[in-house]
């Protein structure tokens, strides 16, 4: 929603939109990397072995 606001307000400034995207995505990437061992452990435990 915030990125749509940036796009609507600053139509010509692609650098500002890119900066907003990085700010929005960076916490998600950091969270994934910090919790990836639990994520992949759950994927491995749910796998069907045959």
Protein backbone atom coordinates (compact mmCIF):
# COMPACT_ATOMS: atom_id res chain seq x y z
CA UNK A 1 0.00 0.00 0.00
CA UNK A 2 2.87 2.33 0.82
CA UNK A 3 4.61 1.55 -2.47
CA UNK A 4 1.44 2.40 -4.38
CA UNK A 5 1.41 5.74 -2.57
CA UNK A 6 5.01 6.37 -3.60
CA UNK A 7 4.25 5.42 -7.18
CA UNK A 8 1.25 7.73 -7.30
CA UNK A 9 3.00 10.66 -5.65
CA UNK A 10 6.44 10.42 -7.25
CA UNK A 11 5.70 9.14 -10.74
CA UNK A 12 9.00 10.16 -12.31
CA UNK A 13 11.37 9.34 -9.45
CA UNK A 14 12.30 5.69 -9.92
CA UNK A 15 15.10 5.91 -7.35
CA UNK A 16 12.65 6.81 -4.59
CA UNK A 17 10.38 3.91 -5.52
CA UNK A 18 13.38 1.53 -5.52
CA UNK A 19 14.47 2.82 -2.11
CA UNK A 20 10.97 2.29 -0.73
CA UNK A 21 10.94 -1.23 -2.10
CA UNK A 22 14.27 -2.05 -0.44
CA UNK A 23 13.05 -0.63 2.87
CA UNK A 24 9.87 -2.72 2.63
CA UNK A 25 11.58 -5.99 1.64
CA UNK A 26 14.76 -5.86 3.77
CA UNK A 27 13.07 -6.85 7.07
CA UNK A 28 11.41 -9.84 5.39
CA UNK A 29 14.72 -11.04 3.96
CA UNK A 30 16.45 -10.61 7.32
CA UNK A 31 13.66 -12.54 9.05
CA UNK A 32 13.91 -15.37 6.53
CA UNK A 33 17.68 -15.68 6.89
CA UNK A 34 17.48 -15.65 10.67
CA UNK A 35 14.77 -18.33 10.77
CA UNK A 36 15.68 -20.42 7.73
CA UNK A 37 16.93 -23.39 9.79
CA UNK A 38 13.46 -23.77 11.34
CA UNK A 39 11.77 -23.33 7.97
CA UNK A 40 13.82 -26.03 6.26
CA UNK A 41 13.55 -28.34 9.28
CA UNK A 42 9.76 -28.18 8.95
CA UNK A 43 9.95 -28.85 5.23
CA UNK A 44 12.19 -31.87 5.83
CA UNK A 45 9.97 -33.32 8.58
CA UNK A 46 6.87 -33.03 6.40
CA UNK A 47 8.45 -34.86 3.48
CA UNK A 48 7.12 -38.28 2.56
CA UNK A 49 9.87 -40.86 2.44
CA UNK A 50 9.36 -43.82 0.23
